[in-house]
Amino acid sequence: GGGSVQAGGSLRLSCARSGRTGSSTA
């Protein structure tokens, strides 16, 4: 989701977690 944008603009970053089952604490 990274990229280039002008000041005042918006971006949304995503982070997909995989591997070990279950979830991280934070």
mmCIF file of all heavy atoms, coordinates in Angstrom:
data_MODEL
# 
_entry.id   MODEL 
# 
loop_
_atom_site.group_PDB 
_atom_site.id 
_atom_site.type_symbol 
_atom_site.label_atom_id 
_atom_site.label_alt_id 
_atom_site.label_comp_id 
_atom_site.label_asym_id 
_atom_site.label_entity_id 
_atom_site.label_seq_id 
_atom_site.pdbx_PDB_ins_code 
_atom_site.Cartn_x 
_atom_site.Cartn_y 
_atom_site.Cartn_z 
_atom_site.occupancy 
_atom_site.B_iso_or_equiv 
_atom_site.pdbx_formal_charge 
_atom_site.auth_seq_id 
_atom_site.auth_comp_id 
_atom_site.auth_asym_id 
_atom_site.auth_atom_id 
_atom_site.pdbx_PDB_model_num 
ATOM 1   N N   . GLY A 1 1  ? 0.786  -1.230  0.000  1.00 0.00 ? 1  GLY A N   1 
ATOM 2   C CA  . GLY A 1 1  ? 0.000  0.000   0.000  1.00 0.00 ? 1  GLY A CA  1 
ATOM 3   C C   . GLY A 1 1  ? 0.818  1.280   0.000  1.00 0.00 ? 1  GLY A C   1 
ATOM 4   O O   . GLY A 1 1  ? 0.243  2.372   -0.058 1.00 0.00 ? 1  GLY A O   1 
ATOM 5   N N   . GLY A 1 2  ? 2.123  1.164   0.055  1.00 0.00 ? 2  GLY A N   1 
ATOM 6   C CA  . GLY A 1 2  ? 2.933  2.372   0.001  1.00 0.00 ? 2  GLY A CA  1 
ATOM 7   C C   . GLY A 1 2  ? 2.886  3.003   -1.381 1.00 0.00 ? 2  GLY A C   1 
ATOM 8   O O   . GLY A 1 2  ? 2.354  2.436   -2.330 1.00 0.00 ? 2  GLY A O   1 
ATOM 9   N N   . GLY A 1 3  ? 3.438  4.210   -1.490 1.00 0.00 ? 3  GLY A N   1 
ATOM 10  C CA  . GLY A 1 3  ? 3.473  4.886   -2.772 1.00 0.00 ? 3  GLY A CA  1 
ATOM 11  C C   . GLY A 1 3  ? 3.795  6.350   -2.605 1.00 0.00 ? 3  GLY A C   1 
ATOM 12  O O   . GLY A 1 3  ? 4.268  6.777   -1.541 1.00 0.00 ? 3  GLY A O   1 
ATOM 13  N N   . SER A 1 4  ? 3.531  7.101   -3.658 1.00 0.00 ? 4  SER A N   1 
ATOM 14  C CA  . SER A 1 4  ? 3.802  8.537   -3.646 1.00 0.00 ? 4  SER A CA  1 
ATOM 15  C C   . SER A 1 4  ? 2.488  9.300   -3.690 1.00 0.00 ? 4  SER A C   1 
ATOM 16  O O   . SER A 1 4  ? 1.568  8.921   -4.425 1.00 0.00 ? 4  SER A O   1 
ATOM 17  C CB  . SER A 1 4  ? 4.658  8.917   -4.854 1.00 0.00 ? 4  SER A CB  1 
ATOM 18  O OG  . SER A 1 4  ? 5.915  8.283   -4.797 1.00 0.00 ? 4  SER A OG  1 
ATOM 19  N N   . VAL A 1 5  ? 2.420  10.370  -2.929 1.00 0.00 ? 5  VAL A N   1 
ATOM 20  C CA  . VAL A 1 5  ? 1.205  11.158  -2.847 1.00 0.00 ? 5  VAL A CA  1 
ATOM 21  C C   . VAL A 1 5  ? 1.578  12.600  -2.548 1.00 0.00 ? 5  VAL A C   1 
ATOM 22  O O   . VAL A 1 5  ? 2.653  12.864  -1.979 1.00 0.00 ? 5  VAL A O   1 
ATOM 23  C CB  . VAL A 1 5  ? 0.272  10.586  -1.754 1.00 0.00 ? 5  VAL A CB  1 
ATOM 24  C CG1 . VAL A 1 5  ? 0.886  10.716  -0.379 1.00 0.00 ? 5  VAL A CG1 1 
ATOM 25  C CG2 . VAL A 1 5  ? -1.100 11.214  -1.804 1.00 0.00 ? 5  VAL A CG2 1 
ATOM 26  N N   . GLN A 1 6  ? 0.735  13.519  -2.929 1.00 0.00 ? 6  GLN A N   1 
ATOM 27  C CA  . GLN A 1 6  ? 0.976  14.921  -2.621 1.00 0.00 ? 6  GLN A CA  1 
ATOM 28  C C   . GLN A 1 6  ? 0.522  15.228  -1.196 1.00 0.00 ? 6  GLN A C   1 
ATOM 29  O O   . GLN A 1 6  ? -0.333 14.522  -0.631 1.00 0.00 ? 6  GLN A O   1 
ATOM 30  C CB  . GLN A 1 6  ? 0.240  15.815  -3.607 1.00 0.00 ? 6  GLN A CB  1 
ATOM 31  C CG  . GLN A 1 6  ? 0.844  15.792  -5.011 1.00 0.00 ? 6  GLN A CG  1 
ATOM 32  C CD  . GLN A 1 6  ? 0.289  16.886  -5.898 1.00 0.00 ? 6  GLN A CD  1 
ATOM 33  O OE1 . GLN A 1 6  ? -0.871 17.269  -5.745 1.00 0.00 ? 6  GLN A OE1 1 
ATOM 34  N NE2 . GLN A 1 6  ? 1.104  17.390  -6.797 1.00 0.00 ? 6  GLN A NE2 1 
ATOM 35  N N   . ALA A 1 7  ? 1.078  16.276  -0.645 1.00 0.00 ? 7  ALA A N   1 
ATOM 36  C CA  . ALA A 1 7  ? 0.698  16.699  0.701  1.00 0.00 ? 7  ALA A CA  1 
ATOM 37  C C   . ALA A 1 7  ? -0.814 16.909  0.776  1.00 0.00 ? 7  ALA A C   1 
ATOM 38  O O   . ALA A 1 7  ? -1.417 17.458  -0.148 1.00 0.00 ? 7  ALA A O   1 
ATOM 39  C CB  . ALA A 1 7  ? 1.430  17.986  1.065  1.00 0.00 ? 7  ALA A CB  1 
ATOM 40  N N   . GLY A 1 8  ? -1.391 16.443  1.874  1.00 0.00 ? 8  GLY A N   1 
ATOM 41  C CA  . GLY A 1 8  ? -2.829 16.518  2.047  1.00 0.00 ? 8  GLY A CA  1 
ATOM 42  C C   . GLY A 1 8  ? -3.564 15.278  1.591  1.00 0.00 ? 8  GLY A C   1 
ATOM 43  O O   . GLY A 1 8  ? -4.758 15.116  1.879  1.00 0.00 ? 8  GLY A O   1 
ATOM 44  N N   . GLY A 1 9  ? -2.855 14.410  0.880  1.00 0.00 ? 9  GLY A N   1 
ATOM 45  C CA  . GLY A 1 9  ? -3.466 13.194  0.376  1.00 0.00 ? 9  GLY A CA  1 
ATOM 46  C C   . GLY A 1 9  ? -3.527 12.081  1.402  1.00 0.00 ? 9  GLY A C   1 
ATOM 47  O O   . GLY A 1 9  ? -3.153 12.265  2.573  1.00 0.00 ? 9  GLY A O   1 
ATOM 48  N N   . SER A 1 10 ? -3.983 10.912  0.945  1.00 0.00 ? 10 SER A N   1 
ATOM 49  C CA  . SER A 1 10 ? -4.175 9.760   1.830  1.00 0.00 ? 10 SER A CA  1 
ATOM 50  C C   . SER A 1 10 ? -3.591 8.507   1.213  1.00 0.00 ? 10 SER A C   1 
ATOM 51  O O   . SER A 1 10 ? -3.514 8.371   -0.014 1.00 0.00 ? 10 SER A O   1 
ATOM 52  C CB  . SER A 1 10 ? -5.674 9.527   2.086  1.00 0.00 ? 10 SER A CB  1 
ATOM 53  O OG  . SER A 1 10 ? -6.266 10.635  2.719  1.00 0.00 ? 10 SER A OG  1 
ATOM 54  N N   . LEU A 1 11 ? -3.195 7.597   2.085  1.00 0.00 ? 11 LEU A N   1 
ATOM 55  C CA  . LEU A 1 11 ? -2.762 6.262   1.696  1.00 0.00 ? 11 LEU A CA  1 
ATOM 56  C C   . LEU A 1 11 ? -3.220 5.295   2.769  1.00 0.00 ? 11 LEU A C   1 
ATOM 57  O O   . LEU A 1 11 ? -3.364 5.675   3.944  1.00 0.00 ? 11 LEU A O   1 
ATOM 58  C CB  . LEU A 1 11 ? -1.245 6.175   1.570  1.00 0.00 ? 11 LEU A CB  1 
ATOM 59  C CG  . LEU A 1 11 ? -0.565 6.782   0.348  1.00 0.00 ? 11 LEU A CG  1 
ATOM 60  C CD1 . LEU A 1 11 ? 0.948  6.745   0.516  1.00 0.00 ? 11 LEU A CD1 1 
ATOM 61  C CD2 . LEU A 1 11 ? -0.974 6.057   -0.925 1.00 0.00 ? 11 LEU A CD2 1 
ATOM 62  N N   . ARG A 1 12 ? -3.422 4.044   2.383  1.00 0.00 ? 12 ARG A N   1 
ATOM 63  C CA  . ARG A 1 12 ? -3.712 3.010   3.364  1.00 0.00 ? 12 ARG A CA  1 
ATOM 64  C C   . ARG A 1 12 ? -2.712 1.884   3.220  1.00 0.00 ? 12 ARG A C   1 
ATOM 65  O O   . ARG A 1 12 ? -2.588 1.288   2.142  1.00 0.00 ? 12 ARG A O   1 
ATOM 66  C CB  . ARG A 1 12 ? -5.132 2.452   3.213  1.00 0.00 ? 12 ARG A CB  1 
ATOM 67  C CG  . ARG A 1 12 ? -5.506 1.533   4.382  1.00 0.00 ? 12 ARG A CG  1 
ATOM 68  C CD  . ARG A 1 12 ? -6.918 1.031   4.328  1.00 0.00 ? 12 ARG A CD  1 
ATOM 69  N NE  . ARG A 1 12 ? -7.082 -0.116  3.459  1.00 0.00 ? 12 ARG A NE  1 
ATOM 70  C CZ  . ARG A 1 12 ? -8.023 -1.044  3.603  1.00 0.00 ? 12 ARG A CZ  1 
ATOM 71  N NH1 . ARG A 1 12 ? -8.880 -0.952  4.611  1.00 0.00 ? 12 ARG A NH1 1 
ATOM 72  N NH2 . ARG A 1 12 ? -8.112 -2.045  2.745  1.00 0.00 ? 12 ARG A NH2 1 
ATOM 73  N N   . LEU A 1 13 ? -2.013 1.609   4.298  1.00 0.00 ? 13 LEU A N   1 
ATOM 74  C CA  . LEU A 1 13 ? -1.052 0.509   4.331  1.00 0.00 ? 13 LEU A CA  1 
ATOM 75  C C   . LEU A 1 13 ? -1.732 -0.728  4.913  1.00 0.00 ? 13 LEU A C   1 
ATOM 76  O O   . LEU A 1 13 ? -2.578 -0.629  5.799  1.00 0.00 ? 13 LEU A O   1 
ATOM 77  C CB  . LEU A 1 13 ? 0.155  0.877   5.183  1.00 0.00 ? 13 LEU A CB  1 
ATOM 78  C CG  . LEU A 1 13 ? 0.896  2.163   4.813  1.00 0.00 ? 13 LEU A CG  1 
ATOM 79  C CD1 . LEU A 1 13 ? 2.112  2.336   5.725  1.00 0.00 ? 13 LEU A CD1 1 
ATOM 80  C CD2 . LEU A 1 13 ? 1.302  2.177   3.361  1.00 0.00 ? 13 LEU A CD2 1 
ATOM 81  N N   . SER A 1 14 ? -1.320 -1.871  4.396  1.00 0.00 ? 14 SER A N   1 
ATOM 82  C CA  . SER A 1 14 ? -1.807 -3.142  4.903  1.00 0.00 ? 14 SER A CA  1 
ATOM 83  C C   . SER A 1 14 ? -0.630 -4.002  5.338  1.00 0.00 ? 14 SER A C   1 
ATOM 84  O O   . SER A 1 14 ? 0.456  -3.907  4.752  1.00 0.00 ? 14 SER A O   1 
ATOM 85  C CB  . SER A 1 14 ? -2.603 -3.895  3.829  1.00 0.00 ? 14 SER A CB  1 
ATOM 86  O OG  . SER A 1 14 ? -3.709 -3.149  3.399  1.00 0.00 ? 14 SER A OG  1 
ATOM 87  N N   . CYS A 1 15 ? -0.855 -4.830  6.337  1.00 0.00 ? 15 CYS A N   1 
ATOM 88  C CA  . CYS A 1 15 ? 0.164  -5.761  6.798  1.00 0.00 ? 15 CYS A CA  1 
ATOM 89  C C   . CYS A 1 15 ? -0.514 -7.095  7.061  1.00 0.00 ? 15 CYS A C   1 
ATOM 90  O O   . CYS A 1 15 ? -1.311 -7.225  8.004  1.00 0.00 ? 15 CYS A O   1 
ATOM 91  C CB  . CYS A 1 15 ? 0.836  -5.246  8.058  1.00 0.00 ? 15 CYS A CB  1 
ATOM 92  S SG  . CYS A 1 15 ? 2.010  -6.405  8.799  1.00 0.00 ? 15 CYS A SG  1 
ATOM 93  N N   . ALA A 1 16 ? -0.195 -8.057  6.227  1.00 0.00 ? 16 ALA A N   1 
ATOM 94  C CA  . ALA A 1 16 ? -0.776 -9.386  6.360  1.00 0.00 ? 16 ALA A CA  1 
ATOM 95  C C   . ALA A 1 16 ? 0.155  -10.285 7.161  1.00 0.00 ? 16 ALA A C   1 
ATOM 96  O O   . ALA A 1 16 ? 1.340  -10.410 6.827  1.00 0.00 ? 16 ALA A O   1 
ATOM 97  C CB  . ALA A 1 16 ? -1.021 -9.982  4.982  1.00 0.00 ? 16 ALA A CB  1 
ATOM 98  N N   . ARG A 1 17 ? -0.391 -10.902 8.185  1.00 0.00 ? 17 ARG A N   1 
ATOM 99  C CA  . ARG A 1 17 ? 0.384  -11.786 9.055  1.00 0.00 ? 17 ARG A CA  1 
ATOM 100 C C   . ARG A 1 17 ? 0.112  -13.228 8.658  1.00 0.00 ? 17 ARG A C   1 
ATOM 101 O O   . ARG A 1 17 ? -1.049 -13.625 8.497  1.00 0.00 ? 17 ARG A O   1 
ATOM 102 C CB  . ARG A 1 17 ? -0.012 -11.563 10.505 1.00 0.00 ? 17 ARG A CB  1 
ATOM 103 C CG  . ARG A 1 17 ? 0.705  -12.445 11.523 1.00 0.00 ? 17 ARG A CG  1 
ATOM 104 C CD  . ARG A 1 17 ? 0.063  -12.292 12.884 1.00 0.00 ? 17 ARG A CD  1 
ATOM 105 N NE  . ARG A 1 17 ? 0.647  -13.149 13.894 1.00 0.00 ? 17 ARG A NE  1 
ATOM 106 C CZ  . ARG A 1 17 ? 0.381  -14.445 14.031 1.00 0.00 ? 17 ARG A CZ  1 
ATOM 107 N NH1 . ARG A 1 17 ? -0.472 -15.043 13.236 1.00 0.00 ? 17 ARG A NH1 1 
ATOM 108 N NH2 . ARG A 1 17 ? 0.975  -15.142 14.995 1.00 0.00 ? 17 ARG A NH2 1 
ATOM 109 N N   . SER A 1 18 ? 1.160  -14.009 8.501  1.00 0.00 ? 18 SER A N   1 
ATOM 110 C CA  . SER A 1 18 ? 1.014  -15.425 8.167  1.00 0.00 ? 18 SER A CA  1 
ATOM 111 C C   . SER A 1 18 ? 2.055  -16.230 8.919  1.00 0.00 ? 18 SER A C   1 
ATOM 112 O O   . SER A 1 18 ? 2.927  -15.670 9.598  1.00 0.00 ? 18 SER A O   1 
ATOM 113 C CB  . SER A 1 18 ? 1.164  -15.635 6.658  1.00 0.00 ? 18 SER A CB  1 
ATOM 114 O OG  . SER A 1 18 ? 2.472  -15.275 6.243  1.00 0.00 ? 18 SER A OG  1 
ATOM 115 N N   . GLY A 1 19 ? 1.942  -17.539 8.794  1.00 0.00 ? 19 GLY A N   1 
ATOM 116 C CA  . GLY A 1 19 ? 2.896  -18.422 9.461  1.00 0.00 ? 19 GLY A CA  1 
ATOM 117 C C   . GLY A 1 19 ? 2.251  -19.121 10.628 1.00 0.00 ? 19 GLY A C   1 
ATOM 118 O O   . GLY A 1 19 ? 1.281  -19.847 10.449 1.00 0.00 ? 19 GLY A O   1 
ATOM 119 N N   . ARG A 1 20 ? 2.734  -18.911 11.810 1.00 0.00 ? 20 ARG A N   1 
ATOM 120 C CA  . ARG A 1 20 ? 2.251  -19.585 13.006 1.00 0.00 ? 20 ARG A CA  1 
ATOM 121 C C   . ARG A 1 20 ? 0.768  -19.298 13.220 1.00 0.00 ? 20 ARG A C   1 
ATOM 122 O O   . ARG A 1 20 ? 0.304  -18.175 13.048 1.00 0.00 ? 20 ARG A O   1 
ATOM 123 C CB  . ARG A 1 20 ? 3.045  -19.101 14.217 1.00 0.00 ? 20 ARG A CB  1 
ATOM 124 C CG  . ARG A 1 20 ? 2.867  -19.945 15.465 1.00 0.00 ? 20 ARG A CG  1 
ATOM 125 C CD  . ARG A 1 20 ? 3.493  -19.267 16.654 1.00 0.00 ? 20 ARG A CD  1 
ATOM 126 N NE  . ARG A 1 20 ? 2.783  -18.029 16.954 1.00 0.00 ? 20 ARG A NE  1 
ATOM 127 C CZ  . ARG A 1 20 ? 3.372  -16.931 17.375 1.00 0.00 ? 20 ARG A CZ  1 
ATOM 128 N NH1 . ARG A 1 20 ? 4.681  -16.894 17.528 1.00 0.00 ? 20 ARG A NH1 1 
ATOM 129 N NH2 . ARG A 1 20 ? 2.676  -15.844 17.647 1.00 0.00 ? 20 ARG A NH2 1 
ATOM 130 N N   . THR A 1 21 ? 0.023  -20.334 13.588 1.00 0.00 ? 21 THR A N   1 
ATOM 131 C CA  . THR A 1 21 ? -1.404 -20.152 13.830 1.00 0.00 ? 21 THR A CA  1 
ATOM 132 C C   . THR A 1 21 ? -1.635 -19.322 15.078 1.00 0.00 ? 21 THR A C   1 
ATOM 133 O O   . THR A 1 21 ? -0.751 -19.174 15.922 1.00 0.00 ? 21 THR A O   1 
ATOM 134 C CB  . THR A 1 21 ? -2.107 -21.505 13.983 1.00 0.00 ? 21 THR A CB  1 
ATOM 135 O OG1 . THR A 1 21 ? -1.470 -22.231 15.044 1.00 0.00 ? 21 THR A OG1 1 
ATOM 136 C CG2 . THR A 1 21 ? -2.005 -22.310 12.704 1.00 0.00 ? 21 THR A CG2 1 
ATOM 137 N N   . GLY A 1 22 ? -2.841 -18.781 15.170 1.00 0.00 ? 22 GLY A N   1 
ATOM 138 C CA  . GLY A 1 22 ? -3.147 -17.901 16.278 1.00 0.00 ? 22 GLY A CA  1 
ATOM 139 C C   . GLY A 1 22 ? -2.795 -16.474 15.922 1.00 0.00 ? 22 GLY A C   1 
ATOM 140 O O   . GLY A 1 22 ? -2.374 -16.173 14.810 1.00 0.00 ? 22 GLY A O   1 
ATOM 141 N N   . SER A 1 23 ? -2.965 -15.582 16.848 1.00 0.00 ? 23 SER A N   1 
ATOM 142 C CA  . SER A 1 23 ? -2.684 -14.173 16.603 1.00 0.00 ? 23 SER A CA  1 
ATOM 143 C C   . SER A 1 23 ? -1.573 -13.687 17.514 1.00 0.00 ? 23 SER A C   1 
ATOM 144 O O   . SER A 1 23 ? -1.286 -14.286 18.547 1.00 0.00 ? 23 SER A O   1 
ATOM 145 C CB  . SER A 1 23 ? -3.947 -13.343 16.820 1.00 0.00 ? 23 SER A CB  1 
ATOM 146 O OG  . SER A 1 23 ? -4.397 -13.479 18.152 1.00 0.00 ? 23 SER A OG  1 
ATOM 147 N N   . SER A 1 24 ? -0.958 -12.608 17.108 1.00 0.00 ? 24 SER A N   1 
ATOM 148 C CA  . SER A 1 24 ? 0.036  -11.965 17.951 1.00 0.00 ? 24 SER A CA  1 
ATOM 149 C C   . SER A 1 24 ? -0.677 -11.170 19.047 1.00 0.00 ? 24 SER A C   1 
ATOM 150 O O   . SER A 1 24 ? -1.849 -10.842 18.923 1.00 0.00 ? 24 SER A O   1 
ATOM 151 C CB  . SER A 1 24 ? 0.909  -11.035 17.121 1.00 0.00 ? 24 SER A CB  1 
ATOM 152 O OG  . SER A 1 24 ? 1.643  -11.766 16.160 1.00 0.00 ? 24 SER A OG  1 
ATOM 153 N N   . THR A 1 25 ? 0.039  -10.840 20.105 1.00 0.00 ? 25 THR A N   1 
ATOM 154 C CA  . THR A 1 25 ? -0.551 -10.056 21.184 1.00 0.00 ? 25 THR A CA  1 
ATOM 155 C C   . THR A 1 25 ? -0.854 -8.640  20.718 1.00 0.00 ? 25 THR A C   1 
ATOM 156 O O   . THR A 1 25 ? -1.898 -8.079  21.037 1.00 0.00 ? 25 THR A O   1 
ATOM 157 C CB  . THR A 1 25 ? 0.402  -10.009 22.376 1.00 0.00 ? 25 THR A CB  1 
ATOM 158 O OG1 . THR A 1 25 ? 0.714  -11.339 22.783 1.00 0.00 ? 25 THR A OG1 1 
ATOM 159 C CG2 . THR A 1 25 ? -0.212 -9.245  23.536 1.00 0.00 ? 25 THR A CG2 1 
ATOM 160 N N   . ALA A 1 26 ? 0.061  -8.085  19.961 1.00 0.00 ? 26 ALA A N   1 
ATOM 161 C CA  . ALA A 1 26 ? -0.107 -6.724  19.463 1.00 0.00 ? 26 ALA A CA  1 
ATOM 162 C C   . ALA A 1 26 ? 0.624  -6.575  18.145 1.00 0.00 ? 26 ALA A C   1 
ATOM 163 O O   . ALA A 1 26 ? 1.566  -7.323  17.856 1.00 0.00 ? 26 ALA A O   1 
ATOM 164 C CB  . ALA A 1 26 ? 0.433  -5.707  20.475 1.00 0.00 ? 26 ALA A CB  1 
# 
